[in-house]
Amino acid sequence: MPHDFTHDRKRVGELLRRVREERGLRQVDVAEKLGQPQSYVSRIESAEQRADLPELRAVCAALGINLADFVRRFEERS
């Protein structure tokens, strides 16, 4: 059976949103740290836009979470 990457992208977005909310940040706060519009963060969280590894690392940094810790949390919920 083929791997469902769409489901994984949705899970990445959901986890990013969860981490952002845990840290009391708004999408606009993260976007400002990234030098991007708020819609950029929204599209990643909603899985409308895929984040490549460097982008994901930057988003994690803006959220105050280490990329390795983010991946660990992602894998825990597999």
PDB file of N, CA and C in Angstrom:
ATOM      1  N   MET A   1       0.848  -1.180   0.000  1.00  0.00           N
ATOM      2  CA  MET A   1       0.000   0.000   0.000  1.00  0.00           C
ATOM      3  C   MET A   1       0.897   1.249   0.000  1.00  0.00           C
ATOM      4  N   PRO A   2       0.614   2.222  -0.866  1.00  0.00           N
ATOM      5  CA  PRO A   2       1.439   3.436  -0.940  1.00  0.00           C
ATOM      6  C   PRO A   2       1.296   4.280   0.326  1.00  0.00           C
ATOM      7  N   HIS A   3       2.386   4.988   0.638  1.00  0.00           N
ATOM      8  CA  HIS A   3       2.394   5.857   1.824  1.00  0.00           C
ATOM      9  C   HIS A   3       1.519   7.086   1.569  1.00  0.00           C
ATOM     10  N   ASP A   4       0.775   7.499   2.568  1.00  0.00           N
ATOM     11  CA  ASP A   4      -0.128   8.649   2.454  1.00  0.00           C
ATOM     12  C   ASP A   4       0.588   9.923   2.923  1.00  0.00           C
ATOM     13  N   PHE A   5       1.290  10.566   1.989  1.00  0.00           N
ATOM     14  CA  PHE A   5       2.023  11.782   2.324  1.00  0.00           C
ATOM     15  C   PHE A   5       1.088  12.937   2.656  1.00  0.00           C
ATOM     16  N   THR A   6      -0.088  12.946   2.076  1.00  0.00           N
ATOM     17  CA  THR A   6      -1.050  14.014   2.372  1.00  0.00           C
ATOM     18  C   THR A   6      -1.420  13.979   3.850  1.00  0.00           C
ATOM     19  N   HIS A   7      -1.641  12.793   4.361  1.00  0.00           N
ATOM     20  CA  HIS A   7      -1.969  12.641   5.789  1.00  0.00           C
ATOM     21  C   HIS A   7      -0.803  13.137   6.647  1.00  0.00           C
ATOM     22  N   ASP A   8       0.417  12.794   6.266  1.00  0.00           N
ATOM     23  CA  ASP A   8       1.594  13.242   7.018  1.00  0.00           C
ATOM     24  C   ASP A   8       1.729  14.760   7.000  1.00  0.00           C
ATOM     25  N   ARG A   9       1.476  15.394   5.848  1.00  0.00           N
ATOM     26  CA  ARG A   9       1.547  16.853   5.777  1.00  0.00           C
ATOM     27  C   ARG A   9       0.524  17.489   6.704  1.00  0.00           C
ATOM     28  N   LYS A  10      -0.661  16.898   6.756  1.00  0.00           N
ATOM     29  CA  LYS A  10      -1.689  17.409   7.665  1.00  0.00           C
ATOM     30  C   LYS A  10      -1.239  17.268   9.112  1.00  0.00           C
ATOM     31  N   ARG A  11      -0.615  16.146   9.441  1.00  0.00           N
ATOM     32  CA  ARG A  11      -0.122  15.928  10.799  1.00  0.00           C
ATOM     33  C   ARG A  11       0.979  16.914  11.151  1.00  0.00           C
ATOM     34  N   VAL A  12       1.872  17.215  10.196  1.00  0.00           N
ATOM     35  CA  VAL A  12       2.924  18.216  10.430  1.00  0.00           C
ATOM     36  C   VAL A  12       2.277  19.559  10.748  1.00  0.00           C
ATOM     37  N   GLY A  13       1.314  19.952   9.937  1.00  0.00           N
ATOM     38  CA  GLY A  13       0.627  21.227  10.159  1.00  0.00           C
ATOM     39  C   GLY A  13      -0.084  21.279  11.493  1.00  0.00           C
ATOM     40  N   GLU A  14      -0.743  20.185  11.861  1.00  0.00           N
ATOM     41  CA  GLU A  14      -1.454  20.129  13.140  1.00  0.00           C
ATOM     42  C   GLU A  14      -0.476  20.232  14.305  1.00  0.00           C
ATOM     43  N   LEU A  15       0.666  19.560  14.176  1.00  0.00           N
ATOM     44  CA  LEU A  15       1.656  19.615  15.248  1.00  0.00           C
ATOM     45  C   LEU A  15       2.277  21.007  15.345  1.00  0.00           C
ATOM     46  N   LEU A  16       2.538  21.635  14.215  1.00  0.00           N
ATOM     47  CA  LEU A  16       3.059  23.007  14.242  1.00  0.00           C
ATOM     48  C   LEU A  16       2.069  23.935  14.949  1.00  0.00           C
ATOM     49  N   ARG A  17       0.793  23.776  14.622  1.00  0.00           N
ATOM     50  CA  ARG A  17      -0.235  24.598  15.262  1.00  0.00           C
ATOM     51  C   ARG A  17      -0.263  24.335  16.765  1.00  0.00           C
ATOM     52  N   ARG A  18      -0.198  23.061  17.160  1.00  0.00           N
ATOM     53  CA  ARG A  18      -0.225  22.701  18.576  1.00  0.00           C
ATOM     54  C   ARG A  18       0.959  23.325  19.314  1.00  0.00           C
ATOM     55  N   VAL A  19       2.149  23.219  18.736  1.00  0.00           N
ATOM     56  CA  VAL A  19       3.343  23.790  19.369  1.00  0.00           C
ATOM     57  C   VAL A  19       3.201  25.305  19.475  1.00  0.00           C
ATOM     58  N   ARG A  20       2.703  25.929  18.407  1.00  0.00           N
ATOM     59  CA  ARG A  20       2.522  27.390  18.419  1.00  0.00           C
ATOM     60  C   ARG A  20       1.576  27.793  19.540  1.00  0.00           C
ATOM     61  N   GLU A  21       0.462  27.079  19.660  1.00  0.00           N
ATOM     62  CA  GLU A  21      -0.513  27.407  20.691  1.00  0.00           C
ATOM     63  C   GLU A  21       0.035  27.132  22.094  1.00  0.00           C
ATOM     64  N   GLU A  22       0.817  26.056  22.246  1.00  0.00           N
ATOM     65  CA  GLU A  22       1.437  25.761  23.542  1.00  0.00           C
ATOM     66  C   GLU A  22       2.340  26.902  23.992  1.00  0.00           C
ATOM     67  N   ARG A  23       2.940  27.574  23.033  1.00  0.00           N
ATOM     68  CA  ARG A  23       3.863  28.660  23.344  1.00  0.00           C
ATOM     69  C   ARG A  23       3.178  30.023  23.393  1.00  0.00           C
ATOM     70  N   GLY A  24       1.867  30.015  23.207  1.00  0.00           N
ATOM     71  CA  GLY A  24       1.094  31.244  23.301  1.00  0.00           C
ATOM     72  C   GLY A  24       1.348  32.209  22.157  1.00  0.00           C
ATOM     73  N   LEU A  25       1.725  31.672  21.008  1.00  0.00           N
ATOM     74  CA  LEU A  25       2.012  32.511  19.842  1.00  0.00           C
ATOM     75  C   LEU A  25       0.837  32.514  18.875  1.00  0.00           C
ATOM     76  N   ARG A  26       0.681  33.625  18.192  1.00  0.00           N
ATOM     77  CA  ARG A  26      -0.297  33.725  17.104  1.00  0.00           C
ATOM     78  C   ARG A  26       0.427  33.457  15.791  1.00  0.00           C
ATOM     79  N   GLN A  27      -0.323  33.136  14.772  1.00  0.00           N
ATOM     80  CA  GLN A  27       0.280  32.929  13.450  1.00  0.00           C
ATOM     81  C   GLN A  27       1.067  34.158  13.028  1.00  0.00           C
ATOM     82  N   VAL A  28       0.550  35.320  13.306  1.00  0.00           N
ATOM     83  CA  VAL A  28       1.223  36.549  12.905  1.00  0.00           C
ATOM     84  C   VAL A  28       2.554  36.713  13.637  1.00  0.00           C
ATOM     85  N   ASP A  29       2.629  36.237  14.883  1.00  0.00           N
ATOM     86  CA  ASP A  29       3.884  36.308  15.634  1.00  0.00           C
ATOM     87  C   ASP A  29       4.958  35.462  14.955  1.00  0.00           C
ATOM     88  N   VAL A  30       4.579  34.260  14.566  1.00  0.00           N
ATOM     89  CA  VAL A  30       5.518  33.354  13.897  1.00  0.00           C
ATOM     90  C   VAL A  30       5.904  33.925  12.542  1.00  0.00           C
ATOM     91  N   ALA A  31       4.925  34.427  11.819  1.00  0.00           N
ATOM     92  CA  ALA A  31       5.174  34.996  10.494  1.00  0.00           C
ATOM     93  C   ALA A  31       6.171  36.156  10.572  1.00  0.00           C
ATOM     94  N   GLU A  32       6.017  37.007  11.571  1.00  0.00           N
ATOM     95  CA  GLU A  32       6.936  38.142  11.725  1.00  0.00           C
ATOM     96  C   GLU A  32       8.358  37.661  11.965  1.00  0.00           C
ATOM     97  N   LYS A  33       8.517  36.615  12.778  1.00  0.00           N
ATOM     98  CA  LYS A  33       9.850  36.065  13.034  1.00  0.00           C
ATOM     99  C   LYS A  33      10.473  35.496  11.762  1.00  0.00           C
ATOM    100  N   LEU A  34       9.618  35.011  10.863  1.00  0.00           N
ATOM    101  CA  LEU A  34      10.088  34.414   9.614  1.00  0.00           C
ATOM    102  C   LEU A  34      10.225  35.430   8.481  1.00  0.00           C
ATOM    103  N   GLY A  35       9.696  36.627   8.691  1.00  0.00           N
ATOM    104  CA  GLY A  35       9.696  37.618   7.620  1.00  0.00           C
ATOM    105  C   GLY A  35       8.737  37.246   6.500  1.00  0.00           C
ATOM    106  N   GLN A  36       7.648  36.601   6.884  1.00  0.00           N
ATOM    107  CA  GLN A  36       6.649  36.131   5.921  1.00  0.00           C
ATOM    108  C   GLN A  36       5.282  36.680   6.320  1.00  0.00           C
ATOM    109  N   PRO A  37       4.333  36.653   5.388  1.00  0.00           N
ATOM    110  CA  PRO A  37       2.973  37.052   5.761  1.00  0.00           C
ATOM    111  C   PRO A  37       2.314  35.974   6.624  1.00  0.00           C
ATOM    112  N   GLN A  38       1.328  36.365   7.380  1.00  0.00           N
ATOM    113  CA  GLN A  38       0.593  35.424   8.234  1.00  0.00           C
ATOM    114  C   GLN A  38       0.012  34.286   7.412  1.00  0.00           C
ATOM    115  N   SER A  39      -0.373  34.553   6.190  1.00  0.00           N
ATOM    116  CA  SER A  39      -0.965  33.512   5.342  1.00  0.00           C
ATOM    117  C   SER A  39       0.007  32.367   5.071  1.00  0.00           C
ATOM    118  N   TYR A  40       1.304  32.647   5.094  1.00  0.00           N
ATOM    119  CA  TYR A  40       2.325  31.611   4.902  1.00  0.00           C
ATOM    120  C   TYR A  40       2.219  30.573   6.019  1.00  0.00           C
ATOM    121  N   VAL A  41       2.142  31.037   7.254  1.00  0.00           N
ATOM    122  CA  VAL A  41       2.021  30.139   8.402  1.00  0.00           C
ATOM    123  C   VAL A  41       0.696  29.389   8.332  1.00  0.00           C
ATOM    124  N   SER A  42      -0.357  30.090   7.990  1.00  0.00           N
ATOM    125  CA  SER A  42      -1.677  29.476   7.876  1.00  0.00           C
ATOM    126  C   SER A  42      -1.674  28.348   6.844  1.00  0.00           C
ATOM    127  N   ARG A  43      -1.058  28.591   5.690  1.00  0.00           N
ATOM    128  CA  ARG A  43      -1.035  27.570   4.629  1.00  0.00           C
ATOM    129  C   ARG A  43      -0.249  26.336   5.053  1.00  0.00           C
ATOM    130  N   ILE A  44       0.829  26.522   5.797  1.00  0.00           N
ATOM    131  CA  ILE A  44       1.601  25.363   6.263  1.00  0.00           C
ATOM    132  C   ILE A  44       0.807  24.597   7.320  1.00  0.00           C
ATOM    133  N   GLU A  45       0.210  25.315   8.250  1.00  0.00           N
ATOM    134  CA  GLU A  45      -0.567  24.650   9.298  1.00  0.00           C
ATOM    135  C   GLU A  45      -1.761  23.901   8.730  1.00  0.00           C
ATOM    136  N   SER A  46      -2.336  24.395   7.668  1.00  0.00           N
ATOM    137  CA  SER A  46      -3.513  23.745   7.080  1.00  0.00           C
ATOM    138  C   SER A  46      -3.142  22.748   5.982  1.00  0.00           C
ATOM    139  N   ALA A  47      -1.853  22.537   5.769  1.00  0.00           N
ATOM    140  CA  ALA A  47      -1.326  21.595   4.774  1.00  0.00           C
ATOM    141  C   ALA A  47      -1.647  22.012   3.344  1.00  0.00           C
ATOM    142  N   GLU A  48      -1.940  23.286   3.153  1.00  0.00           N
ATOM    143  CA  GLU A  48      -2.125  23.795   1.798  1.00  0.00           C
ATOM    144  C   GLU A  48      -0.773  24.015   1.126  1.00  0.00           C
ATOM    145  N   GLN A  49       0.242  24.199   1.940  1.00  0.00           N
ATOM    146  CA  GLN A  49       1.604  24.409   1.441  1.00  0.00           C
ATOM    147  C   GLN A  49       2.539  23.477   2.189  1.00  0.00           C
ATOM    148  N   ARG A  50       3.391  22.807   1.438  1.00  0.00           N
ATOM    149  CA  ARG A  50       4.365  21.901   2.038  1.00  0.00           C
ATOM    150  C   ARG A  50       5.614  22.687   2.409  1.00  0.00           C
ATOM    151  N   ALA A  51       6.150  22.409   3.578  1.00  0.00           N
ATOM    152  CA  ALA A  51       7.396  23.043   4.011  1.00  0.00           C
ATOM    153  C   ALA A  51       8.538  22.062   3.770  1.00  0.00           C
ATOM    154  N   ASP A  52       9.562  22.497   3.039  1.00  0.00           N
ATOM    155  CA  ASP A  52      10.731  21.633   2.876  1.00  0.00           C
ATOM    156  C   ASP A  52      11.547  21.691   4.165  1.00  0.00           C
ATOM    157  N   LEU A  53      12.612  20.924   4.237  1.00  0.00           N
ATOM    158  CA  LEU A  53      13.375  20.803   5.481  1.00  0.00           C
ATOM    159  C   LEU A  53      13.918  22.146   5.982  1.00  0.00           C
ATOM    160  N   PRO A  54      14.560  22.960   5.130  1.00  0.00           N
ATOM    161  CA  PRO A  54      15.034  24.261   5.641  1.00  0.00           C
ATOM    162  C   PRO A  54      13.891  25.156   6.134  1.00  0.00           C
ATOM    163  N   GLU A  55      12.760  25.124   5.448  1.00  0.00           N
ATOM    164  CA  GLU A  55      11.615  25.921   5.894  1.00  0.00           C
ATOM    165  C   GLU A  55      11.080  25.396   7.226  1.00  0.00           C
ATOM    166  N   LEU A  56      10.975  24.077   7.340  1.00  0.00           N
ATOM    167  CA  LEU A  56      10.485  23.490   8.579  1.00  0.00           C
ATOM    168  C   LEU A  56      11.421  23.825   9.736  1.00  0.00           C
ATOM    169  N   ARG A  57      12.708  23.785   9.481  1.00  0.00           N
ATOM    170  CA  ARG A  57      13.678  24.137  10.524  1.00  0.00           C
ATOM    171  C   ARG A  57      13.484  25.593  10.953  1.00  0.00           C
ATOM    172  N   ALA A  58      13.253  26.486   9.993  1.00  0.00           N
ATOM    173  CA  ALA A  58      13.045  27.902  10.311  1.00  0.00           C
ATOM    174  C   ALA A  58      11.749  28.104  11.101  1.00  0.00           C
ATOM    175  N   VAL A  59      10.698  27.414  10.705  1.00  0.00           N
ATOM    176  CA  VAL A  59       9.429  27.525  11.432  1.00  0.00           C
ATOM    177  C   VAL A  59       9.604  27.010  12.855  1.00  0.00           C
ATOM    178  N   CYS A  60      10.273  25.884  13.003  1.00  0.00           N
ATOM    179  CA  CYS A  60      10.518  25.343  14.346  1.00  0.00           C
ATOM    180  C   CYS A  60      11.307  26.340  15.194  1.00  0.00           C
ATOM    181  N   ALA A  61      12.329  26.949  14.606  1.00  0.00           N
ATOM    182  CA  ALA A  61      13.122  27.941  15.342  1.00  0.00           C
ATOM    183  C   ALA A  61      12.246  29.111  15.774  1.00  0.00           C
ATOM    184  N   ALA A  62      11.361  29.563  14.894  1.00  0.00           N
ATOM    185  CA  ALA A  62      10.460  30.663  15.227  1.00  0.00           C
ATOM    186  C   ALA A  62       9.505  30.277  16.350  1.00  0.00           C
ATOM    187  N   LEU A  63       9.198  28.977  16.438  1.00  0.00           N
ATOM    188  CA  LEU A  63       8.320  28.480  17.496  1.00  0.00           C
ATOM    189  C   LEU A  63       9.073  28.185  18.783  1.00  0.00           C
ATOM    190  N   GLY A  64      10.404  28.181  18.699  1.00  0.00           N
ATOM    191  CA  GLY A  64      11.206  27.893  19.877  1.00  0.00           C
ATOM    192  C   GLY A  64      11.327  26.417  20.182  1.00  0.00           C
ATOM    193  N   ILE A  65      11.260  25.595  19.136  1.00  0.00           N
ATOM    194  CA  ILE A  65      11.433  24.158  19.318  1.00  0.00           C
ATOM    195  C   ILE A  65      12.540  23.678  18.381  1.00  0.00           C
ATOM    196  N   ASN A  66      13.371  22.812  18.869  1.00  0.00           N
ATOM    197  CA  ASN A  66      14.436  22.224  18.071  1.00  0.00           C
ATOM    198  C   ASN A  66      13.810  21.298  17.027  1.00  0.00           C
ATOM    199  N   LEU A  67      14.341  21.305  15.820  1.00  0.00           N
ATOM    200  CA  LEU A  67      13.806  20.459  14.754  1.00  0.00           C
ATOM    201  C   LEU A  67      13.790  18.992  15.168  1.00  0.00           C
ATOM    202  N   ALA A  68      14.857  18.533  15.815  1.00  0.00           N
ATOM    203  CA  ALA A  68      14.908  17.133  16.244  1.00  0.00           C
ATOM    204  C   ALA A  68      13.791  16.827  17.245  1.00  0.00           C
ATOM    205  N   ASP A  69      13.506  17.757  18.148  1.00  0.00           N
ATOM    206  CA  ASP A  69      12.424  17.553  19.109  1.00  0.00           C
ATOM    207  C   ASP A  69      11.069  17.543  18.406  1.00  0.00           C
ATOM    208  N   PHE A  70      10.921  18.389  17.400  1.00  0.00           N
ATOM    209  CA  PHE A  70       9.677  18.410  16.631  1.00  0.00           C
ATOM    210  C   PHE A  70       9.474  17.070  15.931  1.00  0.00           C
ATOM    211  N   VAL A  71      10.514  16.574  15.288  1.00  0.00           N
ATOM    212  CA  VAL A  71      10.427  15.290  14.585  1.00  0.00           C
ATOM    213  C   VAL A  71      10.112  14.169  15.580  1.00  0.00           C
ATOM    214  N   ARG A  72      10.731  14.214  16.749  1.00  0.00           N
ATOM    215  CA  ARG A  72      10.465  13.211  17.773  1.00  0.00           C
ATOM    216  C   ARG A  72       8.984  13.221  18.158  1.00  0.00           C
ATOM    217  N   ARG A  73       8.428  14.408  18.351  1.00  0.00           N
ATOM    218  CA  ARG A  73       7.002  14.502  18.681  1.00  0.00           C
ATOM    219  C   ARG A  73       6.144  13.987  17.531  1.00  0.00           C
ATOM    220  N   PHE A  74       6.549  14.283  16.312  1.00  0.00           N
ATOM    221  CA  PHE A  74       5.822  13.798  15.136  1.00  0.00           C
ATOM    222  C   PHE A  74       5.823  12.267  15.110  1.00  0.00           C
ATOM    223  N   GLU A  75       6.976  11.673  15.349  1.00  0.00           N
ATOM    224  CA  GLU A  75       7.102  10.222  15.310  1.00  0.00           C
ATOM    225  C   GLU A  75       6.355   9.544  16.448  1.00  0.00           C
ATOM    226  N   GLU A  76       6.273  10.181  17.593  1.00  0.00           N
ATOM    227  CA  GLU A  76       5.550   9.611  18.732  1.00  0.00           C
ATOM    228  C   GLU A  76       4.076   9.410  18.417  1.00  0.00           C
ATOM    229  N   ARG A  77       3.560  10.222  17.548  1.00  0.00           N
ATOM    230  CA  ARG A  77       2.132  10.158  17.224  1.00  0.00           C
ATOM    231  C   ARG A  77       1.841   9.393  15.934  1.00  0.00           C
ATOM    232  N   SER A  78       2.810   8.671  15.427  1.00  0.00           N
ATOM    233  CA  SER A  78       2.620   7.897  14.188  1.00  0.00           C
ATOM    234  C   SER A  78       1.679   6.745  14.403  1.00  0.00           C
TER     235      SER A  78
END
